[in-house]
C-alpha atoms as a PDB file:
ATOM      1  CA  UNK A   1       3.211  10.248 -14.450  1.00  0.00           C
ATOM      2  CA  UNK A   2       5.802  13.039 -14.191  1.00  0.00           C
ATOM      3  CA  UNK A   3       6.417  12.225 -10.568  1.00  0.00           C
ATOM      4  CA  UNK A   4       6.791   8.542 -11.304  1.00  0.00           C
ATOM      5  CA  UNK A   5       9.358   9.318 -13.961  1.00  0.00           C
ATOM      6  CA  UNK A   6      11.265  11.592 -11.587  1.00  0.00           C
ATOM      7  CA  UNK A   7      11.651   8.668  -9.197  1.00  0.00           C
ATOM      8  CA  UNK A   8      13.152   6.535 -11.947  1.00  0.00           C
ATOM      9  CA  UNK A   9      10.264   4.079 -11.986  1.00  0.00           C
ATOM     10  CA  UNK A  10       9.103   2.108 -14.993  1.00  0.00           C
ATOM     11  CA  UNK A  11       6.248  -0.198 -14.050  1.00  0.00           C
ATOM     12  CA  UNK A  12       6.531  -3.745 -15.339  1.00  0.00           C
ATOM     13  CA  UNK A  13       3.279  -4.817 -17.005  1.00  0.00           C
ATOM     14  CA  UNK A  14       4.139  -8.302 -18.274  1.00  0.00           C
ATOM     15  CA  UNK A  15       2.789 -10.867 -15.834  1.00  0.00           C
ATOM     16  CA  UNK A  16       4.846 -13.776 -17.123  1.00  0.00           C
ATOM     17  CA  UNK A  17       8.068 -11.825 -16.599  1.00  0.00           C
ATOM     18  CA  UNK A  18       6.969 -10.804 -13.095  1.00  0.00           C
ATOM     19  CA  UNK A  19       6.335 -14.441 -12.236  1.00  0.00           C
ATOM     20  CA  UNK A  20       9.762 -15.452 -13.614  1.00  0.00           C
ATOM     21  CA  UNK A  21      11.484 -12.852 -11.463  1.00  0.00           C
ATOM     22  CA  UNK A  22       9.757 -14.032  -8.290  1.00  0.00           C
ATOM     23  CA  UNK A  23      10.377 -17.685  -9.171  1.00  0.00           C
ATOM     24  CA  UNK A  24      14.091 -16.877  -9.441  1.00  0.00           C
ATOM     25  CA  UNK A  25      14.261 -16.480  -5.660  1.00  0.00           C
ATOM     26  CA  UNK A  26      15.560 -19.720  -4.235  1.00  0.00           C
ATOM     27  CA  UNK A  27      13.598 -20.048  -1.012  1.00  0.00           C
ATOM     28  CA  UNK A  28      14.044 -22.463   1.855  1.00  0.00           C
ATOM     29  CA  UNK A  29      10.842 -24.497   1.723  1.00  0.00           C
ATOM     30  CA  UNK A  30      11.080 -25.760   5.296  1.00  0.00           C
ATOM     31  CA  UNK A  31      11.284 -22.338   6.954  1.00  0.00           C
ATOM     32  CA  UNK A  32       9.943 -18.808   6.632  1.00  0.00           C
ATOM     33  CA  UNK A  33      12.157 -16.289   4.839  1.00  0.00           C
ATOM     34  CA  UNK A  34      12.086 -12.538   5.337  1.00  0.00           C
ATOM     35  CA  UNK A  35      11.932 -10.950   1.882  1.00  0.00           C
ATOM     36  CA  UNK A  36      12.346  -7.239   1.224  1.00  0.00           C
ATOM     37  CA  UNK A  37      10.979  -5.924  -2.068  1.00  0.00           C
ATOM     38  CA  UNK A  38      12.559  -2.638  -3.135  1.00  0.00           C
ATOM     39  CA  UNK A  39      10.390  -0.325  -5.224  1.00  0.00           C
ATOM     40  CA  UNK A  40       7.187  -2.410  -5.469  1.00  0.00           C
ATOM     41  CA  UNK A  41       5.422   0.275  -7.498  1.00  0.00           C
ATOM     42  CA  UNK A  42       1.856  -0.886  -8.083  1.00  0.00           C
ATOM     43  CA  UNK A  43       2.605  -4.425  -6.921  1.00  0.00           C
ATOM     44  CA  UNK A  44       3.299  -6.478 -10.052  1.00  0.00           C
ATOM     45  CA  UNK A  45       5.924  -8.562  -8.205  1.00  0.00           C
ATOM     46  CA  UNK A  46       4.212  -8.162  -4.844  1.00  0.00           C
ATOM     47  CA  UNK A  47       1.121 -10.074  -5.993  1.00  0.00           C
ATOM     48  CA  UNK A  48       3.216 -13.198  -6.531  1.00  0.00           C
ATOM     49  CA  UNK A  49       5.342 -12.725  -3.421  1.00  0.00           C
ATOM     50  CA  UNK A  50       2.329 -12.522  -1.078  1.00  0.00           C
ATOM     51  CA  UNK A  51       1.112 -15.832  -2.502  1.00  0.00           C
ATOM     52  CA  UNK A  52       4.012 -17.655  -0.842  1.00  0.00           C
ATOM     53  CA  UNK A  53       2.996 -18.939   2.616  1.00  0.00           C
ATOM     54  CA  UNK A  54       6.624 -19.117   3.790  1.00  0.00           C
ATOM     55  CA  UNK A  55       7.522 -15.474   3.083  1.00  0.00           C
ATOM     56  CA  UNK A  56       7.349 -12.631   5.569  1.00  0.00           C
ATOM     57  CA  UNK A  57       7.246  -9.787   3.075  1.00  0.00           C
ATOM     58  CA  UNK A  58       8.309  -6.180   3.582  1.00  0.00           C
ATOM     59  CA  UNK A  59       8.378  -3.508   0.903  1.00  0.00           C
ATOM     60  CA  UNK A  60      10.441  -0.313   0.660  1.00  0.00           C
ATOM     61  CA  UNK A  61       8.671   2.426  -1.295  1.00  0.00           C
ATOM     62  CA  UNK A  62       9.546   6.132  -1.501  1.00  0.00           C
ATOM     63  CA  UNK A  63       6.607   7.366  -3.606  1.00  0.00           C
ATOM     64  CA  UNK A  64       4.046   8.789  -1.151  1.00  0.00           C
ATOM     65  CA  UNK A  65       1.110   7.788  -3.347  1.00  0.00           C
ATOM     66  CA  UNK A  66       1.808   4.081  -3.480  1.00  0.00           C
ATOM     67  CA  UNK A  67       1.610   2.710   0.105  1.00  0.00           C
ATOM     68  CA  UNK A  68      -2.146   3.366   0.251  1.00  0.00           C
ATOM     69  CA  UNK A  69      -2.641   1.577  -3.066  1.00  0.00           C
ATOM     70  CA  UNK A  70      -0.467  -1.343  -1.922  1.00  0.00           C
ATOM     71  CA  UNK A  71      -2.410  -1.727   1.337  1.00  0.00           C
ATOM     72  CA  UNK A  72      -5.696  -1.764  -0.544  1.00  0.00           C
ATOM     73  CA  UNK A  73      -4.425  -4.539  -2.810  1.00  0.00           C
ATOM     74  CA  UNK A  74      -2.467  -6.447  -0.170  1.00  0.00           C
ATOM     75  CA  UNK A  75      -3.784  -6.040   3.405  1.00  0.00           C
ATOM     76  CA  UNK A  76      -1.072  -8.486   4.483  1.00  0.00           C
ATOM     77  CA  UNK A  77       1.412  -5.602   4.112  1.00  0.00           C
ATOM     78  CA  UNK A  78      -0.027  -3.742   7.108  1.00  0.00           C
ATOM     79  CA  UNK A  79       2.959  -2.589   9.234  1.00  0.00           C
ATOM     80  CA  UNK A  80       5.274  -4.072   6.594  1.00  0.00           C
ATOM     81  CA  UNK A  81       5.728  -1.017   4.377  1.00  0.00           C
ATOM     82  CA  UNK A  82       8.971   0.894   4.896  1.00  0.00           C
ATOM     83  CA  UNK A  83       8.192   4.340   3.509  1.00  0.00           C
ATOM     84  CA  UNK A  84      11.758   5.610   3.063  1.00  0.00           C
ATOM     85  CA  UNK A  85      14.513   6.127   0.549  1.00  0.00           C
ATOM     86  CA  UNK A  86      16.101   2.672   0.313  1.00  0.00           C
ATOM     87  CA  UNK A  87      19.575   4.218   0.170  1.00  0.00           C
ATOM     88  CA  UNK A  88      18.984   5.748   3.610  1.00  0.00           C
ATOM     89  CA  UNK A  89      17.271   2.796   5.302  1.00  0.00           C
ATOM     90  CA  UNK A  90      19.059   1.293   8.294  1.00  0.00           C
ATOM     91  CA  UNK A  91      17.957  -2.303   7.806  1.00  0.00           C
ATOM     92  CA  UNK A  92      19.400  -3.364  11.150  1.00  0.00           C
ATOM     93  CA  UNK A  93      16.638  -1.404  12.896  1.00  0.00           C
ATOM     94  CA  UNK A  94      14.051  -3.558  11.108  1.00  0.00           C
ATOM     95  CA  UNK A  95      15.721  -6.973  10.896  1.00  0.00           C
ATOM     96  CA  UNK A  96      18.039  -8.787  13.258  1.00  0.00           C
ATOM     97  CA  UNK A  97      18.090 -11.937  11.130  1.00  0.00           C
ATOM     98  CA  UNK A  98      18.961 -12.564   7.454  1.00  0.00           C
ATOM     99  CA  UNK A  99      16.667 -11.272   4.730  1.00  0.00           C
ATOM    100  CA  UNK A 100      16.421 -11.683   0.961  1.00  0.00           C
ATOM    101  CA  UNK A 101      16.105  -8.768  -1.467  1.00  0.00           C
ATOM    102  CA  UNK A 102      14.096  -8.579  -4.681  1.00  0.00           C
ATOM    103  CA  UNK A 103      12.948  -5.798  -6.954  1.00  0.00           C
ATOM    104  CA  UNK A 104      12.519  -4.071 -10.263  1.00  0.00           C
ATOM    105  CA  UNK A 105      15.047  -1.449  -9.274  1.00  0.00           C
ATOM    106  CA  UNK A 106      14.837   2.202 -10.351  1.00  0.00           C
ATOM    107  CA  UNK A 107      17.539   2.522 -13.002  1.00  0.00           C
ATOM    108  CA  UNK A 108      18.884   5.797 -11.664  1.00  0.00           C
ATOM    109  CA  UNK A 109      19.936   4.255  -8.339  1.00  0.00           C
ATOM    110  CA  UNK A 110      20.409   0.582  -9.264  1.00  0.00           C
ATOM    111  CA  UNK A 111      24.204   0.591  -8.869  1.00  0.00           C
ATOM    112  CA  UNK A 112      23.818   2.328  -5.509  1.00  0.00           C
ATOM    113  CA  UNK A 113      21.407  -0.427  -4.471  1.00  0.00           C
ATOM    114  CA  UNK A 114      24.136  -2.974  -5.208  1.00  0.00           C
ATOM    115  CA  UNK A 115      26.463  -1.129  -2.857  1.00  0.00           C
ATOM    116  CA  UNK A 116      23.642  -1.038  -0.289  1.00  0.00           C
ATOM    117  CA  UNK A 117      23.423  -4.832  -0.572  1.00  0.00           C
ATOM    118  CA  UNK A 118      27.192  -5.028  -0.092  1.00  0.00           C
ATOM    119  CA  UNK A 119      26.863  -2.896   3.031  1.00  0.00           C
ATOM    120  CA  UNK A 120      24.474  -5.492   4.485  1.00  0.00           C
ATOM    121  CA  UNK A 121      26.230  -8.496   2.960  1.00  0.00           C
ATOM    122  CA  UNK A 122      26.341 -10.353   6.296  1.00  0.00           C
ATOM    123  CA  UNK A 123      22.529 -10.258   6.458  1.00  0.00           C
ATOM    124  CA  UNK A 124      21.659 -10.779   2.787  1.00  0.00           C
ATOM    125  CA  UNK A 125      22.192 -14.343   1.517  1.00  0.00           C
ATOM    126  CA  UNK A 126      20.451 -13.699  -1.797  1.00  0.00           C
ATOM    127  CA  UNK A 127      19.192 -10.936  -4.068  1.00  0.00           C
ATOM    128  CA  UNK A 128      17.173 -11.073  -7.296  1.00  0.00           C
ATOM    129  CA  UNK A 129      16.835  -7.844  -9.210  1.00  0.00           C
ATOM    130  CA  UNK A 130      16.043  -6.306 -12.558  1.00  0.00           C
ATOM    131  CA  UNK A 131      18.546  -3.746 -13.819  1.00  0.00           C
ATOM    132  CA  UNK A 132      19.319  -1.843 -16.959  1.00  0.00           C
ATOM    133  CA  UNK A 133      20.931  -4.493 -19.146  1.00  0.00           C
ATOM    134  CA  UNK A 134      24.322  -2.765 -19.290  1.00  0.00           C
ATOM    135  CA  UNK A 135      24.435  -2.511 -15.493  1.00  0.00           C
ATOM    136  CA  UNK A 136      23.518  -6.192 -15.104  1.00  0.00           C
ATOM    137  CA  UNK A 137      26.243  -7.129 -17.598  1.00  0.00           C
ATOM    138  CA  UNK A 138      28.737  -5.026 -15.663  1.00  0.00           C
ATOM    139  CA  UNK A 139      27.885  -6.744 -12.380  1.00  0.00           C
ATOM    140  CA  UNK A 140      28.254 -10.202 -13.936  1.00  0.00           C
ATOM    141  CA  UNK A 141      31.325  -9.403 -16.087  1.00  0.00           C
ATOM    142  CA  UNK A 142      34.407 -11.617 -15.925  1.00  0.00           C
ATOM    143  CA  UNK A 143      38.101 -10.640 -16.105  1.00  0.00           C
ATOM    144  CA  UNK A 144      39.210  -9.658 -19.589  1.00  0.00           C
ATOM    145  CA  UNK A 145      35.861  -8.114 -20.481  1.00  0.00           C
ATOM    146  CA  UNK A 146      35.546  -4.422 -21.316  1.00  0.00           C
ATOM    147  CA  UNK A 147      32.608  -4.230 -18.909  1.00  0.00           C
ATOM    148  CA  UNK A 148      34.599  -5.773 -16.024  1.00  0.00           C
ATOM    149  CA  UNK A 149      35.253  -3.087 -13.458  1.00  0.00           C
ATOM    150  CA  UNK A 150      34.785  -1.819  -9.920  1.00  0.00           C
ATOM    151  CA  UNK A 151      31.181  -3.001  -9.567  1.00  0.00           C
ATOM    152  CA  UNK A 152      32.050  -6.452 -10.959  1.00  0.00           C
ATOM    153  CA  UNK A 153      34.932  -7.031  -8.543  1.00  0.00           C
ATOM    154  CA  UNK A 154      33.304  -5.685  -5.389  1.00  0.00           C
ATOM    155  CA  UNK A 155      30.051  -7.579  -5.996  1.00  0.00           C
ATOM    156  CA  UNK A 156      31.801 -10.838  -6.822  1.00  0.00           C
ATOM    157  CA  UNK A 157      33.984 -10.426  -3.754  1.00  0.00           C
ATOM    158  CA  UNK A 158      30.986 -11.584  -1.717  1.00  0.00           C
ATOM    159  CA  UNK A 159      28.386 -12.905  -4.165  1.00  0.00           C
ATOM    160  CA  UNK A 160      28.154 -15.384  -7.010  1.00  0.00           C
ATOM    161  CA  UNK A 161      26.331 -13.693  -9.888  1.00  0.00           C
ATOM    162  CA  UNK A 162      23.846 -15.473 -12.151  1.00  0.00           C
ATOM    163  CA  UNK A 163      22.809 -13.552 -15.278  1.00  0.00           C
ATOM    164  CA  UNK A 164      19.312 -15.010 -15.631  1.00  0.00           C
ATOM    165  CA  UNK A 165      17.396 -13.435 -18.529  1.00  0.00           C
ATOM    166  CA  UNK A 166      16.758 -10.225 -20.440  1.00  0.00           C
ATOM    167  CA  UNK A 167      13.526  -8.223 -20.564  1.00  0.00           C
ATOM    168  CA  UNK A 168      12.291  -6.089 -23.456  1.00  0.00           C
ATOM    169  CA  UNK A 169      11.461  -2.439 -22.800  1.00  0.00           C
ATOM    170  CA  UNK A 170       8.062  -3.118 -24.401  1.00  0.00           C
ATOM    171  CA  UNK A 171       6.985  -4.807 -21.167  1.00  0.00           C
ATOM    172  CA  UNK A 172       7.072  -1.547 -19.157  1.00  0.00           C
ATOM    173  CA  UNK A 173       4.922   1.517 -18.691  1.00  0.00           C
ATOM    174  CA  UNK A 174       6.303   3.981 -19.509  1.00  0.00           C
ATOM    175  CA  UNK A 175       8.760   2.077 -21.753  1.00  0.00           C
ATOM    176  CA  UNK A 176      12.359   2.897 -20.803  1.00  0.00           C
ATOM    177  CA  UNK A 177      14.817   3.788 -23.533  1.00  0.00           C
ATOM    178  CA  UNK A 178      16.995   0.851 -22.514  1.00  0.00           C
ATOM    179  CA  UNK A 179      16.669  -2.914 -22.271  1.00  0.00           C
ATOM    180  CA  UNK A 180      16.653  -4.729 -18.941  1.00  0.00           C
ATOM    181  CA  UNK A 181      18.082  -7.903 -17.448  1.00  0.00           C
ATOM    182  CA  UNK A 182      17.489  -9.942 -14.310  1.00  0.00           C
ATOM    183  CA  UNK A 183      20.360 -11.223 -12.185  1.00  0.00           C
ATOM    184  CA  UNK A 184      20.632 -13.231  -8.981  1.00  0.00           C
ATOM    185  CA  UNK A 185      23.293 -12.759  -6.320  1.00  0.00           C
ATOM    186  CA  UNK A 186      24.040 -15.601  -3.892  1.00  0.00           C
ATOM    187  CA  UNK A 187      26.325 -14.997  -0.946  1.00  0.00           C
ATOM    188  CA  UNK A 188      29.605 -16.889  -0.766  1.00  0.00           C
ATOM    189  CA  UNK A 189      32.325 -16.776   1.884  1.00  0.00           C
ATOM    190  CA  UNK A 190      35.406 -17.635  -0.185  1.00  0.00           C
ATOM    191  CA  UNK A 191      37.266 -14.483   0.776  1.00  0.00           C
ATOM    192  CA  UNK A 192      35.768 -13.725   4.188  1.00  0.00           C
ATOM    193  CA  UNK A 193      38.779 -15.074   6.073  1.00  0.00           C
ATOM    194  CA  UNK A 194      41.394 -12.804   4.518  1.00  0.00           C
ATOM    195  CA  UNK A 195      39.489  -9.889   3.030  1.00  0.00           C
ATOM    196  CA  UNK A 196      39.524  -6.296   4.220  1.00  0.00           C
ATOM    197  CA  UNK A 197      36.691  -4.736   2.192  1.00  0.00           C
ATOM    198  CA  UNK A 198      37.935  -1.170   2.589  1.00  0.00           C
ATOM    199  CA  UNK A 199      41.413  -2.095   1.373  1.00  0.00           C
ATOM    200  CA  UNK A 200      40.115  -4.105  -1.578  1.00  0.00           C
ATOM    201  CA  UNK A 201      37.783  -1.263  -2.529  1.00  0.00           C
ATOM    202  CA  UNK A 202      40.619   1.278  -2.397  1.00  0.00           C
ATOM    203  CA  UNK A 203      42.905  -0.850  -4.578  1.00  0.00           C
ATOM    204  CA  UNK A 204      40.135  -1.701  -7.058  1.00  0.00           C
ATOM    205  CA  UNK A 205      38.949   1.898  -7.438  1.00  0.00           C
ATOM    206  CA  UNK A 206      42.462   3.211  -8.042  1.00  0.00           C
ATOM    207  CA  UNK A 207      43.337   0.375 -10.431  1.00  0.00           C
ATOM    208  CA  UNK A 208      40.246   0.939 -12.582  1.00  0.00           C
ATOM    209  CA  UNK A 209      40.468   4.710 -12.253  1.00  0.00           C
ATOM    210  CA  UNK A 210      43.080   4.543 -15.001  1.00  0.00           C
ATOM    211  CA  UNK A 211      42.108   1.225 -16.542  1.00  0.00           C
ATOM    212  CA  UNK A 212      44.085   1.763 -19.754  1.00  0.00           C
ATOM    213  CA  UNK A 213      47.322   2.044 -17.809  1.00  0.00           C
ATOM    214  CA  UNK A 214      49.344  -0.877 -16.531  1.00  0.00           C
ATOM    215  CA  UNK A 215      49.076  -1.411 -12.801  1.00  0.00           C
ATOM    216  CA  UNK A 216      52.621  -0.192 -12.288  1.00  0.00           C
ATOM    217  CA  UNK A 217      51.345   3.279 -13.248  1.00  0.00           C
ATOM    218  CA  UNK A 218      47.709   3.025 -12.192  1.00  0.00           C
ATOM    219  CA  UNK A 219      48.686   2.112  -8.607  1.00  0.00           C
ATOM    220  CA  UNK A 220      51.517   4.622  -8.388  1.00  0.00           C
ATOM    221  CA  UNK A 221      51.673   6.072  -4.902  1.00  0.00           C
ATOM    222  CA  UNK A 222      50.341   2.945  -3.195  1.00  0.00           C
ATOM    223  CA  UNK A 223      52.719   1.259  -0.773  1.00  0.00           C
ATOM    224  CA  UNK A 224      52.905  -2.531  -0.449  1.00  0.00           C
ATOM    225  CA  UNK A 225      54.544  -4.273   2.515  1.00  0.00           C
ATOM    226  CA  UNK A 226      55.682  -7.083   0.215  1.00  0.00           C
ATOM    227  CA  UNK A 227      56.098  -6.353  -3.496  1.00  0.00           C
ATOM    228  CA  UNK A 228      56.560  -9.972  -4.618  1.00  0.00           C
ATOM    229  CA  UNK A 229      53.007 -10.390  -5.898  1.00  0.00           C
ATOM    230  CA  UNK A 230      52.829  -6.844  -7.245  1.00  0.00           C
ATOM    231  CA  UNK A 231      55.977  -7.480  -9.293  1.00  0.00           C
ATOM    232  CA  UNK A 232      54.208 -10.466 -10.886  1.00  0.00           C
ATOM    233  CA  UNK A 233      51.200  -8.458 -12.038  1.00  0.00           C
ATOM    234  CA  UNK A 234      52.499  -4.894 -12.425  1.00  0.00           C
ATOM    235  CA  UNK A 235      52.582  -5.088 -16.229  1.00  0.00           C
ATOM    236  CA  UNK A 236      48.938  -6.142 -16.415  1.00  0.00           C
ATOM    237  CA  UNK A 237      45.911  -3.876 -16.570  1.00  0.00           C
ATOM    238  CA  UNK A 238      43.154  -3.899 -13.959  1.00  0.00           C
ATOM    239  CA  UNK A 239      40.684  -5.763 -16.189  1.00  0.00           C
ATOM    240  CA  UNK A 240      43.125  -8.706 -16.389  1.00  0.00           C
ATOM    241  CA  UNK A 241      43.075  -9.374 -12.645  1.00  0.00           C
ATOM    242  CA  UNK A 242      40.664 -11.807 -11.039  1.00  0.00           C
ATOM    243  CA  UNK A 243      38.777 -11.043  -7.840  1.00  0.00           C
ATOM    244  CA  UNK A 244      41.214 -13.327  -6.041  1.00  0.00           C
ATOM    245  CA  UNK A 245      44.145 -11.326  -7.456  1.00  0.00           C
ATOM    246  CA  UNK A 246      42.703  -8.109  -6.049  1.00  0.00           C
ATOM    247  CA  UNK A 247      42.222  -9.742  -2.643  1.00  0.00           C
ATOM    248  CA  UNK A 248      45.837 -10.940  -2.645  1.00  0.00           C
ATOM    249  CA  UNK A 249      47.112  -7.530  -3.696  1.00  0.00           C
ATOM    250  CA  UNK A 250      45.099  -5.796  -0.982  1.00  0.00           C
ATOM    251  CA  UNK A 251      46.661  -8.019   1.705  1.00  0.00           C
ATOM    252  CA  UNK A 252      49.973  -6.203   1.167  1.00  0.00           C
ATOM    253  CA  UNK A 253      48.509  -2.716   0.746  1.00  0.00           C
ATOM    254  CA  UNK A 254      49.412  -0.334   3.552  1.00  0.00           C
END
């Protein structure tokens, strides 16, 4: 159990919750979808995923002990287990077409997994995941909220976020010290035509780096080719700007 804890894993034991998580994936019934489960553990979600005839399932698992157990339970996973650190996986070497992501994510790397999804945003139309509740709330947060920040803006830049349901820590072994929540991300393209991700990320990170300061001070040192829009919002704080506002601001950032 010490090794499991060191990998940040808390195994979900409640079957009803596992079924709800899997059912939250919105699959295309007329075609086969590639689904990647991150951190399958002992297979509590996997057992429901393999039951779908229209899923080509892959799992990413770092713990060296678990692939053998997973193959014993689910022979269908033969040649479909990616035994690597998910943060280091080059998904393009495995998949040339779109794939969906699902998982009960290790809490210690869950935010990093979100940024991994953003990295492959052009291949990932949908993700369903269980996170520490505070992280899930941060991802789904709206402007004006104290939890609205860098992760909120950059995720919502490319995905619509549905905050689905919360999960008690009593449903896990070992029980985490925190509560959990399940969210769904669905890809949108509202900003694809005029969005430079690197520029938006730079503006957002600097703006929230001093979130208590007005943007006039928080973005000091940044140069804008046209200050018309900046002059309109310079007396606001970062948490008051919408995702669209950050995109507009980044268009003039040099």
